[in-house]
Amino acid sequence: MTIRCVIVDDSERFRASARRLLSTQGIAVVATASDSRQALRAVEEQEPDVVLVDVGLGAESGFDLAPRIRHGAVIMVSSLAPDDLAELLEESPAIGFLPKDQLSGCAITYLLSRTCC
């Protein structure tokens, strides 16, 4: 079964490169969004398995968006170090965190498998 993914990040460059990377690794990127409004609409329309949410969405926080996502597991992503976000991640409904430079289809699959069993 193919994992369906929505990418939420305010950087168009990151969205495009993450889409290319994940698509080559068997993850179907069904939508991308640059802000909370677009993200909630995309998630509602696409009903993905996973939503990658950037911690910093310009003027918005991905931590404010995460609890509002009703379809799919949330994985927070950032170029910040996990230690800098530990407290916020612990309080978040996200199933995990991936540094942007460690994003991969395998990492997403692994985090999803930890919540299914």
Protein backbone atom coordinates (compact mmCIF):
# COMPACT_ATOMS: atom_id res chain seq x y z
CA MET A 1 0.00 0.00 0.00
CA THR A 2 1.33 3.43 -0.94
CA ILE A 3 1.58 6.02 1.83
CA ARG A 4 -0.26 9.23 0.92
CA CYS A 5 1.38 12.41 2.19
CA VAL A 6 0.71 16.15 2.43
CA ILE A 7 3.70 18.47 2.91
CA VAL A 8 3.16 21.74 4.81
CA ASP A 9 6.07 24.18 4.67
CA ASP A 10 6.37 27.89 3.93
CA SER A 11 9.41 27.26 1.71
CA GLU A 12 8.43 26.50 -1.88
CA ARG A 13 11.93 25.17 -2.46
CA PHE A 14 11.65 22.67 0.40
CA ARG A 15 8.17 21.54 -0.69
CA ALA A 16 9.42 20.88 -4.22
CA SER A 17 12.57 19.03 -3.17
CA ALA A 18 10.74 16.98 -0.52
CA ARG A 19 8.09 16.04 -3.10
CA ARG A 20 10.76 14.88 -5.55
CA LEU A 21 12.66 12.94 -2.90
CA LEU A 22 9.65 11.20 -1.38
CA SER A 23 8.11 10.41 -4.77
CA THR A 24 11.24 8.50 -5.75
CA GLN A 25 11.02 6.57 -2.47
CA GLY A 26 7.47 5.30 -2.86
CA ILE A 27 5.60 8.00 -0.94
CA ALA A 28 2.71 9.59 -2.88
CA VAL A 29 2.73 13.32 -2.20
CA VAL A 30 -0.91 14.15 -2.87
CA ALA A 31 -0.73 17.86 -1.97
CA THR A 32 1.48 20.60 -0.61
CA ALA A 33 0.60 23.72 1.37
CA SER A 34 2.41 26.85 2.49
CA ASP A 35 0.18 27.85 5.41
CA SER A 36 -2.44 26.52 7.84
CA ARG A 37 -5.43 27.48 5.70
CA GLN A 38 -4.10 25.66 2.64
CA ALA A 39 -2.99 22.72 4.79
CA LEU A 40 -6.38 22.17 6.41
CA ARG A 41 -8.12 22.32 3.04
CA ALA A 42 -5.62 19.89 1.45
CA VAL A 43 -5.89 17.45 4.36
CA GLU A 44 -9.68 17.55 4.27
CA GLU A 45 -9.77 16.97 0.49
CA GLN A 46 -7.02 14.34 0.27
CA GLU A 47 -7.36 12.43 3.58
CA PRO A 48 -3.64 11.53 3.63
CA ASP A 49 -1.97 8.88 5.75
CA VAL A 50 0.64 11.36 6.97
CA VAL A 51 1.09 15.14 7.10
CA LEU A 52 4.59 16.59 7.31
CA VAL A 53 4.31 19.92 9.16
CA ASP A 54 7.16 22.40 9.36
CA VAL A 55 7.67 23.78 12.86
CA GLY A 56 7.92 27.33 11.53
CA LEU A 57 5.35 28.38 8.94
CA GLY A 58 6.37 32.02 8.52
CA ALA A 59 4.21 33.97 10.94
CA GLU A 60 2.47 30.76 12.03
CA SER A 61 3.62 27.84 14.14
CA GLY A 62 3.31 24.28 12.97
CA PHE A 63 2.64 23.40 16.60
CA ASP A 64 -0.58 25.45 16.42
CA LEU A 65 -1.61 23.67 13.22
CA ALA A 66 -0.87 20.09 14.31
CA PRO A 67 -3.84 19.65 16.72
CA ARG A 68 -6.24 20.94 14.04
CA ILE A 69 -5.33 18.20 11.55
CA ARG A 70 -8.07 15.56 11.55
CA HIS A 71 -6.85 13.15 8.85
CA GLY A 72 -3.51 11.42 8.92
CA ALA A 73 -0.67 11.16 11.37
CA VAL A 74 1.36 14.34 11.89
CA ILE A 75 5.15 14.33 11.68
CA MET A 76 6.84 17.60 12.58
CA VAL A 77 9.86 18.63 10.47
CA SER A 78 12.42 21.38 10.96
CA SER A 79 15.97 22.41 10.32
CA LEU A 80 16.21 23.21 14.05
CA ALA A 81 17.80 20.68 16.38
CA PRO A 82 15.38 18.27 18.10
CA ASP A 83 16.78 19.25 21.51
CA ASP A 84 15.65 22.84 20.91
CA LEU A 85 12.09 21.61 20.33
CA ALA A 86 11.88 18.74 22.83
CA GLU A 87 9.29 20.30 25.14
CA LEU A 88 7.03 21.45 22.30
CA LEU A 89 7.32 18.08 20.56
CA GLU A 90 6.37 16.26 23.74
CA GLU A 91 3.20 18.34 24.08
CA SER A 92 2.34 18.02 20.39
CA PRO A 93 -0.06 15.40 18.96
CA ALA A 94 2.63 14.58 16.37
CA ILE A 95 3.76 10.95 16.19
CA GLY A 96 7.35 12.05 15.69
CA PHE A 97 9.90 14.52 14.46
CA LEU A 98 12.27 14.45 11.50
CA PRO A 99 15.10 16.90 10.92
CA LYS A 100 14.72 18.13 7.33
CA ASP A 101 18.11 16.74 6.38
CA GLN A 102 17.01 13.26 7.51
CA LEU A 103 13.68 13.21 5.65
CA SER A 104 13.15 9.96 3.76
CA GLY A 105 10.44 7.51 2.82
CA CYS A 106 12.02 4.97 5.18
CA ALA A 107 11.95 7.41 8.11
CA ILE A 108 8.27 8.20 7.50
CA THR A 109 7.40 4.51 7.17
CA TYR A 110 9.27 3.75 10.40
CA LEU A 111 7.44 6.46 12.38
CA LEU A 112 4.08 5.32 11.02
CA SER A 113 4.83 1.69 11.90
CA ARG A 114 5.57 2.63 15.51
CA THR A 115 2.03 3.99 15.91
CA CYS A 116 0.26 1.07 14.23
CA CYS A 117 1.49 -1.77 16.39
